[in-house]
Amino acid sequence: MSVSISIGSGKGGTGKTMLLCNLALLLAKKGRKVCLVDLDIGGADAHLLFGLFEPKHSLTDFLNRSVDTLQETIHTFYAFHGLQIIPGTGNTLQTANMSYQEKQRLLRAISQLDVDVVLIDVGAGTSYHSLDFFMFSDIQICVTMPEPTSIMDLYSFLQLATIRKVLGSFLSNSQIGSILKKQTFSSISEVFDLAENTQTGAKQKAQEALRYFHPLLVVNRDIPNTNLNKAKLKKLVAKYLGIDIPSLGEIPEDPAIRDALKAYMPVTELSPNAPSSKGIVEISEKIDKIIELFRQPTMR
């Protein structure tokens, strides 16, 4: 059974896809069978970072049933240690209005991929698609930059993700579920209060749903003297969302990343000694250890 990892962010331009592609390559280098799935609806471009400009198949072919299986949309990069990628889809009417049944069919197919690790690129922002794809995985990584606006965008993303996760925990309870799904919530505390008012003990169940939800934080384009902003985010999340976001690492501001993007290559491959590459390698080493933990039967 594969271990799935999703990477999301509160807004575009944080370097989410750049990090994802480099992690995929580094994990493949370790001998793991890795598949990168680009679920950034409307902004799918992960394949470009490996120099693939015109994929023969993409996620669109699976969604419109031009192919029978998701496996048929896989492209294998033998030059990149056998890394597999499923190129994403453009922002078509079909994908923008993907039904619940279509989404479930897609997620089932992803969970059945015959690989060790599935890396999922989640679209930036707070659409239902982005939130559901982010929450689908075993391990969640969130990417931000140290500037205040990026920090607050990520907080908003995490706030809606926690609400989405808690609401999902009540789907099997027809009484609470039918009431909660009709409401619009602006904070997790509103969900807790209405759940408890509907049924005694529901708040505790809602809090339990978040017990193992600990998205890992990566700060990209990190520069000195920004600890205050990062600390502020952690405090906000702990106080108002009731979750912890452990730090996975930082990627320093580095022109080598821009050069790598222009060369259509992961920076860890083009410039392995660059400061950003070293930061990403450290992050990949931590992720590799976490993957090993998830592969143990007791973690499933």
C-alpha atoms as a PDB file:
ATOM      1  CA  MET A   1       0.000   0.000   0.000  1.00  0.00           C
ATOM      2  CA  SER A   2       1.328   3.422  -0.965  1.00  0.00           C
ATOM      3  CA  VAL A   3       1.894   6.366   1.356  1.00  0.00           C
ATOM      4  CA  SER A   4       0.247   9.545   0.061  1.00  0.00           C
ATOM      5  CA  ILE A   5       1.570  13.060   0.637  1.00  0.00           C
ATOM      6  CA  SER A   6      -0.289  16.221  -0.365  1.00  0.00           C
ATOM      7  CA  ILE A   7       1.205  19.690  -0.630  1.00  0.00           C
ATOM      8  CA  GLY A   8      -1.018  22.757  -0.392  1.00  0.00           C
ATOM      9  CA  SER A   9      -0.799  26.493   0.233  1.00  0.00           C
ATOM     10  CA  GLY A  10      -3.016  29.434   0.982  1.00  0.00           C
ATOM     11  CA  LYS A  11      -2.224  31.199  -2.284  1.00  0.00           C
ATOM     12  CA  GLY A  12      -0.281  30.721  -5.497  1.00  0.00           C
ATOM     13  CA  GLY A  13       3.371  31.611  -5.934  1.00  0.00           C
ATOM     14  CA  THR A  14       4.680  30.072  -2.708  1.00  0.00           C
ATOM     15  CA  GLY A  15       6.849  27.473  -4.461  1.00  0.00           C
ATOM     16  CA  LYS A  16       4.535  24.571  -3.691  1.00  0.00           C
ATOM     17  CA  THR A  17       4.992  22.814  -7.049  1.00  0.00           C
ATOM     18  CA  MET A  18       8.738  23.455  -7.056  1.00  0.00           C
ATOM     19  CA  LEU A  19       9.053  21.740  -3.673  1.00  0.00           C
ATOM     20  CA  LEU A  20       6.807  18.862  -4.720  1.00  0.00           C
ATOM     21  CA  CYS A  21       8.833  18.081  -7.858  1.00  0.00           C
ATOM     22  CA  ASN A  22      12.128  18.146  -6.004  1.00  0.00           C
ATOM     23  CA  LEU A  23      10.808  15.914  -3.224  1.00  0.00           C
ATOM     24  CA  ALA A  24       9.479  13.465  -5.799  1.00  0.00           C
ATOM     25  CA  LEU A  25      12.865  13.288  -7.500  1.00  0.00           C
ATOM     26  CA  LEU A  26      14.829  12.913  -4.253  1.00  0.00           C
ATOM     27  CA  LEU A  27      12.546  10.119  -3.008  1.00  0.00           C
ATOM     28  CA  ALA A  28      12.877   8.350  -6.361  1.00  0.00           C
ATOM     29  CA  LYS A  29      16.658   8.634  -6.048  1.00  0.00           C
ATOM     30  CA  LYS A  30      16.412   6.673  -2.809  1.00  0.00           C
ATOM     31  CA  GLY A  31      14.937   3.782  -4.732  1.00  0.00           C
ATOM     32  CA  ARG A  32      11.305   4.383  -3.875  1.00  0.00           C
ATOM     33  CA  LYS A  33       8.691   3.941  -6.570  1.00  0.00           C
ATOM     34  CA  VAL A  34       7.191   7.437  -6.710  1.00  0.00           C
ATOM     35  CA  CYS A  35       4.233   8.869  -8.623  1.00  0.00           C
ATOM     36  CA  LEU A  36       3.530  12.601  -8.719  1.00  0.00           C
ATOM     37  CA  VAL A  37      -0.148  13.404  -9.322  1.00  0.00           C
ATOM     38  CA  ASP A  38      -0.904  16.966 -10.391  1.00  0.00           C
ATOM     39  CA  LEU A  39      -4.315  17.872  -8.957  1.00  0.00           C
ATOM     40  CA  ASP A  40      -3.776  21.619  -9.267  1.00  0.00           C
ATOM     41  CA  ILE A  41      -6.982  22.158 -11.217  1.00  0.00           C
ATOM     42  CA  GLY A  42      -6.532  25.006 -13.687  1.00  0.00           C
ATOM     43  CA  GLY A  43      -2.867  25.510 -12.851  1.00  0.00           C
ATOM     44  CA  ALA A  44      -1.347  22.126 -13.603  1.00  0.00           C
ATOM     45  CA  ASP A  45       2.276  22.612 -14.626  1.00  0.00           C
ATOM     46  CA  ALA A  46       4.365  20.136 -12.611  1.00  0.00           C
ATOM     47  CA  HIS A  47       5.273  18.251 -15.795  1.00  0.00           C
ATOM     48  CA  LEU A  48       7.012  21.355 -17.134  1.00  0.00           C
ATOM     49  CA  LEU A  49       9.635  21.172 -14.381  1.00  0.00           C
ATOM     50  CA  PHE A  50      10.823  17.929 -15.963  1.00  0.00           C
ATOM     51  CA  GLY A  51      10.838  19.262 -19.516  1.00  0.00           C
ATOM     52  CA  LEU A  52       7.605  17.509 -20.545  1.00  0.00           C
ATOM     53  CA  PHE A  53       5.742  20.051 -22.666  1.00  0.00           C
ATOM     54  CA  GLU A  54       3.141  17.972 -24.526  1.00  0.00           C
ATOM     55  CA  PRO A  55       2.032  14.962 -22.473  1.00  0.00           C
ATOM     56  CA  LYS A  56       0.446  12.187 -24.502  1.00  0.00           C
ATOM     57  CA  HIS A  57      -2.152  11.702 -21.763  1.00  0.00           C
ATOM     58  CA  SER A  58      -3.258  13.724 -18.762  1.00  0.00           C
ATOM     59  CA  LEU A  59      -5.735  13.612 -15.924  1.00  0.00           C
ATOM     60  CA  THR A  60      -8.341  14.993 -18.337  1.00  0.00           C
ATOM     61  CA  ASP A  61      -8.285  11.717 -20.263  1.00  0.00           C
ATOM     62  CA  PHE A  62      -9.187   9.800 -17.119  1.00  0.00           C
ATOM     63  CA  LEU A  63     -11.895  12.236 -16.073  1.00  0.00           C
ATOM     64  CA  ASN A  64     -13.628  12.210 -19.454  1.00  0.00           C
ATOM     65  CA  ARG A  65     -13.083   8.418 -19.739  1.00  0.00           C
ATOM     66  CA  SER A  66     -10.914   8.604 -22.850  1.00  0.00           C
ATOM     67  CA  VAL A  67      -8.782   6.001 -21.062  1.00  0.00           C
ATOM     68  CA  ASP A  68     -10.030   3.190 -18.877  1.00  0.00           C
ATOM     69  CA  THR A  69      -7.570   3.464 -16.010  1.00  0.00           C
ATOM     70  CA  LEU A  70      -5.534   6.168 -14.310  1.00  0.00           C
ATOM     71  CA  GLN A  71      -2.462   3.998 -14.891  1.00  0.00           C
ATOM     72  CA  GLU A  72      -2.714   4.773 -18.616  1.00  0.00           C
ATOM     73  CA  THR A  73      -2.047   8.478 -17.990  1.00  0.00           C
ATOM     74  CA  ILE A  74       1.301   7.867 -16.257  1.00  0.00           C
ATOM     75  CA  HIS A  75       4.507   9.200 -17.804  1.00  0.00           C
ATOM     76  CA  THR A  76       7.738   7.614 -16.578  1.00  0.00           C
ATOM     77  CA  PHE A  77      10.950   9.665 -16.515  1.00  0.00           C
ATOM     78  CA  TYR A  78      13.710   7.081 -16.801  1.00  0.00           C
ATOM     79  CA  ALA A  79      16.286   9.880 -16.798  1.00  0.00           C
ATOM     80  CA  PHE A  80      14.955  10.891 -13.362  1.00  0.00           C
ATOM     81  CA  HIS A  81      15.311   7.528 -11.620  1.00  0.00           C
ATOM     82  CA  GLY A  82      12.022   6.127 -12.894  1.00  0.00           C
ATOM     83  CA  LEU A  83       9.907   8.907 -11.406  1.00  0.00           C
ATOM     84  CA  GLN A  84       6.296   8.691 -12.587  1.00  0.00           C
ATOM     85  CA  ILE A  85       3.997  11.648 -13.156  1.00  0.00           C
ATOM     86  CA  ILE A  86       0.324  12.044 -13.970  1.00  0.00           C
ATOM     87  CA  PRO A  87       0.036  15.456 -15.661  1.00  0.00           C
ATOM     88  CA  GLY A  88      -2.855  17.574 -14.507  1.00  0.00           C
ATOM     89  CA  THR A  89      -5.804  19.028 -16.295  1.00  0.00           C
ATOM     90  CA  GLY A  90      -6.677  22.532 -17.402  1.00  0.00           C
ATOM     91  CA  ASN A  91      -9.523  24.494 -15.901  1.00  0.00           C
ATOM     92  CA  THR A  92     -12.271  23.013 -18.074  1.00  0.00           C
ATOM     93  CA  LEU A  93     -15.946  23.104 -17.191  1.00  0.00           C
ATOM     94  CA  GLN A  94     -15.813  19.393 -16.458  1.00  0.00           C
ATOM     95  CA  THR A  95     -13.015  19.651 -13.920  1.00  0.00           C
ATOM     96  CA  ALA A  96     -14.200  22.904 -12.384  1.00  0.00           C
ATOM     97  CA  ASN A  97     -17.604  21.324 -11.790  1.00  0.00           C
ATOM     98  CA  MET A  98     -16.362  17.856 -10.855  1.00  0.00           C
ATOM     99  CA  SER A  99     -19.147  15.987  -9.085  1.00  0.00           C
ATOM    100  CA  TYR A 100     -18.758  14.170  -5.791  1.00  0.00           C
ATOM    101  CA  GLN A 101     -18.953  10.826  -7.607  1.00  0.00           C
ATOM    102  CA  GLU A 102     -16.273  11.855 -10.106  1.00  0.00           C
ATOM    103  CA  LYS A 103     -14.014  13.060  -7.315  1.00  0.00           C
ATOM    104  CA  GLN A 104     -14.438   9.807  -5.414  1.00  0.00           C
ATOM    105  CA  ARG A 105     -13.663   7.801  -8.553  1.00  0.00           C
ATOM    106  CA  LEU A 106     -10.464   9.809  -8.988  1.00  0.00           C
ATOM    107  CA  LEU A 107      -9.373   9.422  -5.371  1.00  0.00           C
ATOM    108  CA  ARG A 108     -10.060   5.682  -5.429  1.00  0.00           C
ATOM    109  CA  ALA A 109      -7.905   5.351  -8.532  1.00  0.00           C
ATOM    110  CA  ILE A 110      -5.078   7.306  -6.895  1.00  0.00           C
ATOM    111  CA  SER A 111      -5.205   5.096  -3.800  1.00  0.00           C
ATOM    112  CA  GLN A 112      -4.868   2.011  -6.022  1.00  0.00           C
ATOM    113  CA  LEU A 113      -1.701   3.130  -7.830  1.00  0.00           C
ATOM    114  CA  ASP A 114       1.023   0.476  -7.593  1.00  0.00           C
ATOM    115  CA  VAL A 115       3.752   2.670  -6.112  1.00  0.00           C
ATOM    116  CA  ASP A 116       5.475   3.281  -2.786  1.00  0.00           C
ATOM    117  CA  VAL A 117       4.743   6.999  -2.557  1.00  0.00           C
ATOM    118  CA  VAL A 118       2.090   9.220  -4.137  1.00  0.00           C
ATOM    119  CA  LEU A 119       2.855  12.949  -4.088  1.00  0.00           C
ATOM    120  CA  ILE A 120      -0.188  15.136  -4.735  1.00  0.00           C
ATOM    121  CA  ASP A 121       0.052  18.724  -5.931  1.00  0.00           C
ATOM    122  CA  VAL A 122      -3.015  20.497  -4.560  1.00  0.00           C
ATOM    123  CA  GLY A 123      -4.278  23.708  -6.089  1.00  0.00           C
ATOM    124  CA  ALA A 124      -3.624  26.845  -4.083  1.00  0.00           C
ATOM    125  CA  GLY A 125      -6.544  28.482  -2.323  1.00  0.00           C
ATOM    126  CA  THR A 126      -9.627  27.246  -0.536  1.00  0.00           C
ATOM    127  CA  SER A 127     -11.893  25.642  -3.131  1.00  0.00           C
ATOM    128  CA  TYR A 128     -13.642  22.421  -2.123  1.00  0.00           C
ATOM    129  CA  HIS A 129     -11.455  20.531  -4.598  1.00  0.00           C
ATOM    130  CA  SER A 130      -8.240  21.873  -3.055  1.00  0.00           C
ATOM    131  CA  LEU A 131      -9.363  21.171   0.501  1.00  0.00           C
ATOM    132  CA  ASP A 132     -10.592  17.654  -0.266  1.00  0.00           C
ATOM    133  CA  PHE A 133      -7.438  16.715  -2.175  1.00  0.00           C
ATOM    134  CA  PHE A 134      -5.305  18.117   0.639  1.00  0.00           C
ATOM    135  CA  MET A 135      -7.169  16.170   3.333  1.00  0.00           C
ATOM    136  CA  PHE A 136      -7.207  12.940   1.317  1.00  0.00           C
ATOM    137  CA  SER A 137      -3.568  12.063   1.941  1.00  0.00           C
ATOM    138  CA  ASP A 138      -1.788  10.334   4.822  1.00  0.00           C
ATOM    139  CA  ILE A 139       0.653  13.233   5.241  1.00  0.00           C
ATOM    140  CA  GLN A 140      -0.074  16.908   4.606  1.00  0.00           C
ATOM    141  CA  ILE A 141       2.544  19.571   3.905  1.00  0.00           C
ATOM    142  CA  CYS A 142       1.685  23.265   3.751  1.00  0.00           C
ATOM    143  CA  VAL A 143       3.976  25.814   2.127  1.00  0.00           C
ATOM    144  CA  THR A 144       4.167  29.510   2.861  1.00  0.00           C
ATOM    145  CA  MET A 145       6.535  32.422   2.577  1.00  0.00           C
ATOM    146  CA  PRO A 146       7.566  34.513   5.593  1.00  0.00           C
ATOM    147  CA  GLU A 147       5.723  37.664   4.520  1.00  0.00           C
ATOM    148  CA  PRO A 148       2.602  38.595   6.567  1.00  0.00           C
ATOM    149  CA  THR A 149       0.093  38.236   3.709  1.00  0.00           C
ATOM    150  CA  SER A 150       1.296  34.733   2.865  1.00  0.00           C
ATOM    151  CA  ILE A 151       1.176  33.750   6.535  1.00  0.00           C
ATOM    152  CA  MET A 152      -2.430  34.911   6.879  1.00  0.00           C
ATOM    153  CA  ASP A 153      -3.466  33.237   3.618  1.00  0.00           C
ATOM    154  CA  LEU A 154      -2.110  29.961   4.932  1.00  0.00           C
ATOM    155  CA  TYR A 155      -3.937  30.456   8.227  1.00  0.00           C
ATOM    156  CA  SER A 156      -7.206  30.890   6.308  1.00  0.00           C
ATOM    157  CA  PHE A 157      -6.447  27.748   4.303  1.00  0.00           C
ATOM    158  CA  LEU A 158      -5.794  25.721   7.456  1.00  0.00           C
ATOM    159  CA  GLN A 159      -8.904  27.113   9.126  1.00  0.00           C
ATOM    160  CA  LEU A 160     -11.126  25.915   6.288  1.00  0.00           C
ATOM    161  CA  ALA A 161      -9.259  22.609   6.120  1.00  0.00           C
ATOM    162  CA  THR A 162      -9.972  21.914   9.795  1.00  0.00           C
ATOM    163  CA  ILE A 163     -13.638  22.816   9.326  1.00  0.00           C
ATOM    164  CA  ARG A 164     -13.824  20.505   6.313  1.00  0.00           C
ATOM    165  CA  LYS A 165     -12.216  17.658   8.268  1.00  0.00           C
ATOM    166  CA  VAL A 166     -14.524  18.048  11.246  1.00  0.00           C
ATOM    167  CA  LEU A 167     -17.630  18.204   9.067  1.00  0.00           C
ATOM    168  CA  GLY A 168     -16.480  15.031   7.339  1.00  0.00           C
ATOM    169  CA  SER A 169     -16.344  13.223  10.686  1.00  0.00           C
ATOM    170  CA  PHE A 170     -20.116  13.684  11.068  1.00  0.00           C
ATOM    171  CA  LEU A 171     -21.143  12.308   7.688  1.00  0.00           C
ATOM    172  CA  SER A 172     -22.154   8.989   9.247  1.00  0.00           C
ATOM    173  CA  ASN A 173     -24.349  10.759  11.808  1.00  0.00           C
ATOM    174  CA  SER A 174     -27.505  11.710   9.927  1.00  0.00           C
ATOM    175  CA  GLN A 175     -28.832  14.057  12.622  1.00  0.00           C
ATOM    176  CA  ILE A 176     -25.759  16.223  13.113  1.00  0.00           C
ATOM    177  CA  GLY A 177     -24.528  15.808   9.553  1.00  0.00           C
ATOM    178  CA  SER A 178     -27.779  17.003   8.012  1.00  0.00           C
ATOM    179  CA  ILE A 179     -27.741  20.108  10.208  1.00  0.00           C
ATOM    180  CA  LEU A 180     -24.074  21.007   9.807  1.00  0.00           C
ATOM    181  CA  LYS A 181     -23.947  20.594   6.036  1.00  0.00           C
ATOM    182  CA  LYS A 182     -26.627  23.280   5.645  1.00  0.00           C
ATOM    183  CA  GLN A 183     -24.581  25.870   7.546  1.00  0.00           C
ATOM    184  CA  THR A 184     -21.768  28.191   6.551  1.00  0.00           C
ATOM    185  CA  PHE A 185     -18.984  28.481   9.122  1.00  0.00           C
ATOM    186  CA  SER A 186     -16.287  31.111   9.499  1.00  0.00           C
ATOM    187  CA  SER A 187     -14.439  29.447  12.391  1.00  0.00           C
ATOM    188  CA  ILE A 188     -13.924  26.001  13.869  1.00  0.00           C
ATOM    189  CA  SER A 189     -15.399  27.153  17.189  1.00  0.00           C
ATOM    190  CA  GLU A 190     -18.730  27.758  15.442  1.00  0.00           C
ATOM    191  CA  VAL A 191     -18.704  24.134  14.272  1.00  0.00           C
ATOM    192  CA  PHE A 192     -17.928  22.907  17.787  1.00  0.00           C
ATOM    193  CA  ASP A 193     -20.709  25.006  19.359  1.00  0.00           C
ATOM    194  CA  LEU A 194     -23.427  24.025  16.894  1.00  0.00           C
ATOM    195  CA  ALA A 195     -22.444  20.354  17.055  1.00  0.00           C
ATOM    196  CA  GLU A 196     -22.617  20.357  20.857  1.00  0.00           C
ATOM    197  CA  ASN A 197     -25.941  22.217  20.861  1.00  0.00           C
ATOM    198  CA  THR A 198     -27.323  19.613  18.470  1.00  0.00           C
ATOM    199  CA  GLN A 199     -26.075  16.594  20.394  1.00  0.00           C
ATOM    200  CA  THR A 200     -24.299  16.395  23.749  1.00  0.00           C
ATOM    201  CA  GLY A 201     -20.781  15.051  23.354  1.00  0.00           C
ATOM    202  CA  ALA A 202     -20.511  16.031  19.697  1.00  0.00           C
ATOM    203  CA  LYS A 203     -17.872  18.687  20.434  1.00  0.00           C
ATOM    204  CA  GLN A 204     -15.565  16.052  21.876  1.00  0.00           C
ATOM    205  CA  LYS A 205     -16.035  13.915  18.773  1.00  0.00           C
ATOM    206  CA  ALA A 206     -15.262  16.913  16.577  1.00  0.00           C
ATOM    207  CA  GLN A 207     -12.081  17.645  18.511  1.00  0.00           C
ATOM    208  CA  GLU A 208     -11.095  13.991  18.232  1.00  0.00           C
ATOM    209  CA  ALA A 209     -11.273  14.305  14.436  1.00  0.00           C
ATOM    210  CA  LEU A 210      -8.399  16.801  14.621  1.00  0.00           C
ATOM    211  CA  ARG A 211      -6.291  14.737  17.003  1.00  0.00           C
ATOM    212  CA  TYR A 212      -4.024  13.356  14.289  1.00  0.00           C
ATOM    213  CA  PHE A 213      -4.224  16.299  11.917  1.00  0.00           C
ATOM    214  CA  HIS A 214      -0.799  17.952  12.069  1.00  0.00           C
ATOM    215  CA  PRO A 215       0.137  19.525   8.723  1.00  0.00           C
ATOM    216  CA  LEU A 216       3.879  19.948   8.330  1.00  0.00           C
ATOM    217  CA  LEU A 217       5.080  23.490   7.681  1.00  0.00           C
ATOM    218  CA  VAL A 218       7.653  24.500   5.072  1.00  0.00           C
ATOM    219  CA  VAL A 219       8.719  28.127   4.727  1.00  0.00           C
ATOM    220  CA  ASN A 220      10.009  28.953   1.253  1.00  0.00           C
ATOM    221  CA  ARG A 221      12.169  31.947   0.295  1.00  0.00           C
ATOM    222  CA  ASP A 222      13.159  32.193   3.924  1.00  0.00           C
ATOM    223  CA  ILE A 223      15.217  35.214   4.915  1.00  0.00           C
ATOM    224  CA  PRO A 224      16.781  36.202   8.260  1.00  0.00           C
ATOM    225  CA  ASN A 225      14.775  37.884  11.022  1.00  0.00           C
ATOM    226  CA  THR A 226      11.395  36.415  10.052  1.00  0.00           C
ATOM    227  CA  ASN A 227      10.914  34.175  13.083  1.00  0.00           C
ATOM    228  CA  LEU A 228       8.260  36.488  14.487  1.00  0.00           C
ATOM    229  CA  ASN A 229       5.885  35.850  11.572  1.00  0.00           C
ATOM    230  CA  LYS A 230       6.389  32.083  11.710  1.00  0.00           C
ATOM    231  CA  ALA A 231       5.867  32.039  15.458  1.00  0.00           C
ATOM    232  CA  LYS A 232       2.712  34.116  15.042  1.00  0.00           C
ATOM    233  CA  LEU A 233       1.273  31.564  12.609  1.00  0.00           C
ATOM    234  CA  LYS A 234       1.961  28.664  14.958  1.00  0.00           C
ATOM    235  CA  LYS A 235       0.340  30.508  17.874  1.00  0.00           C
ATOM    236  CA  LEU A 236      -2.740  31.438  15.839  1.00  0.00           C
ATOM    237  CA  VAL A 237      -3.210  27.867  14.640  1.00  0.00           C
ATOM    238  CA  ALA A 238      -2.757  26.379  18.112  1.00  0.00           C
ATOM    239  CA  LYS A 239      -5.052  28.884  19.810  1.00  0.00           C
ATOM    240  CA  TYR A 240      -7.910  29.161  17.343  1.00  0.00           C
ATOM    241  CA  LEU A 241      -7.781  25.889  15.388  1.00  0.00           C
ATOM    242  CA  GLY A 242      -6.595  23.551  18.108  1.00  0.00           C
ATOM    243  CA  ILE A 243      -3.921  21.895  15.976  1.00  0.00           C
ATOM    244  CA  ASP A 244      -0.139  21.908  15.858  1.00  0.00           C
ATOM    245  CA  ILE A 245       1.853  22.513  12.665  1.00  0.00           C
ATOM    246  CA  PRO A 246       5.339  21.054  13.184  1.00  0.00           C
ATOM    247  CA  SER A 247       8.104  22.705  11.200  1.00  0.00           C
ATOM    248  CA  LEU A 248       9.463  20.499   8.407  1.00  0.00           C
ATOM    249  CA  GLY A 249      12.125  22.964   7.318  1.00  0.00           C
ATOM    250  CA  GLU A 250      13.000  26.158   5.485  1.00  0.00           C
ATOM    251  CA  ILE A 251      14.146  26.839   1.933  1.00  0.00           C
ATOM    252  CA  PRO A 252      16.341  29.954   1.742  1.00  0.00           C
ATOM    253  CA  GLU A 253      15.914  32.706  -0.826  1.00  0.00           C
ATOM    254  CA  ASP A 254      18.094  31.524  -3.693  1.00  0.00           C
ATOM    255  CA  PRO A 255      18.446  32.634  -7.361  1.00  0.00           C
ATOM    256  CA  ALA A 256      19.324  29.016  -8.229  1.00  0.00           C
ATOM    257  CA  ILE A 257      15.619  28.166  -8.045  1.00  0.00           C
ATOM    258  CA  ARG A 258      14.785  30.752 -10.697  1.00  0.00           C
ATOM    259  CA  ASP A 259      17.575  29.366 -12.893  1.00  0.00           C
ATOM    260  CA  ALA A 260      16.256  25.834 -12.455  1.00  0.00           C
ATOM    261  CA  LEU A 261      12.728  26.868 -13.409  1.00  0.00           C
ATOM    262  CA  LYS A 262      14.053  28.481 -16.574  1.00  0.00           C
ATOM    263  CA  ALA A 263      15.971  25.285 -17.375  1.00  0.00           C
ATOM    264  CA  TYR A 264      12.860  23.132 -16.738  1.00  0.00           C
ATOM    265  CA  MET A 265      14.703  21.056 -14.155  1.00  0.00           C
ATOM    266  CA  PRO A 266      14.432  20.497 -10.393  1.00  0.00           C
ATOM    267  CA  VAL A 267      16.951  22.682  -8.596  1.00  0.00           C
ATOM    268  CA  THR A 268      18.330  19.706  -6.650  1.00  0.00           C
ATOM    269  CA  GLU A 269      19.319  18.147  -9.991  1.00  0.00           C
ATOM    270  CA  LEU A 270      20.613  21.271 -11.740  1.00  0.00           C
ATOM    271  CA  SER A 271      22.388  22.870  -8.768  1.00  0.00           C
ATOM    272  CA  PRO A 272      22.767  20.249  -6.002  1.00  0.00           C
ATOM    273  CA  ASN A 273      25.128  22.433  -3.969  1.00  0.00           C
ATOM    274  CA  ALA A 274      22.893  25.516  -3.974  1.00  0.00           C
ATOM    275  CA  PRO A 275      21.566  26.654  -0.565  1.00  0.00           C
ATOM    276  CA  SER A 276      17.984  25.949  -1.636  1.00  0.00           C
ATOM    277  CA  SER A 277      18.913  22.428  -2.753  1.00  0.00           C
ATOM    278  CA  LYS A 278      20.519  21.691   0.593  1.00  0.00           C
ATOM    279  CA  GLY A 279      17.385  22.915   2.380  1.00  0.00           C
ATOM    280  CA  ILE A 280      15.147  20.727   0.222  1.00  0.00           C
ATOM    281  CA  VAL A 281      17.403  17.693   0.753  1.00  0.00           C
ATOM    282  CA  GLU A 282      17.079  18.142   4.516  1.00  0.00           C
ATOM    283  CA  ILE A 283      13.294  18.273   4.144  1.00  0.00           C
ATOM    284  CA  SER A 284      13.323  15.136   1.967  1.00  0.00           C
ATOM    285  CA  GLU A 285      15.348  13.247   4.578  1.00  0.00           C
ATOM    286  CA  LYS A 286      12.715  14.034   7.202  1.00  0.00           C
ATOM    287  CA  ILE A 287       9.902  13.028   4.843  1.00  0.00           C
ATOM    288  CA  ASP A 288      11.671   9.755   4.069  1.00  0.00           C
ATOM    289  CA  LYS A 289      11.751   8.897   7.776  1.00  0.00           C
ATOM    290  CA  ILE A 290       8.065   9.791   8.152  1.00  0.00           C
ATOM    291  CA  ILE A 291       7.216   7.557   5.184  1.00  0.00           C
ATOM    292  CA  GLU A 292       8.969   4.668   6.916  1.00  0.00           C
ATOM    293  CA  LEU A 293       6.795   5.232   9.988  1.00  0.00           C
ATOM    294  CA  PHE A 294       3.635   5.173   7.885  1.00  0.00           C
ATOM    295  CA  ARG A 295       4.705   1.944   6.209  1.00  0.00           C
ATOM    296  CA  GLN A 296       4.623   0.193   9.574  1.00  0.00           C
ATOM    297  CA  PRO A 297       1.354  -1.751  10.082  1.00  0.00           C
ATOM    298  CA  THR A 298       0.612  -0.014  13.388  1.00  0.00           C
ATOM    299  CA  MET A 299       0.385   3.360  11.630  1.00  0.00           C
ATOM    300  CA  ARG A 300      -2.377   2.252   9.258  1.00  0.00           C
END
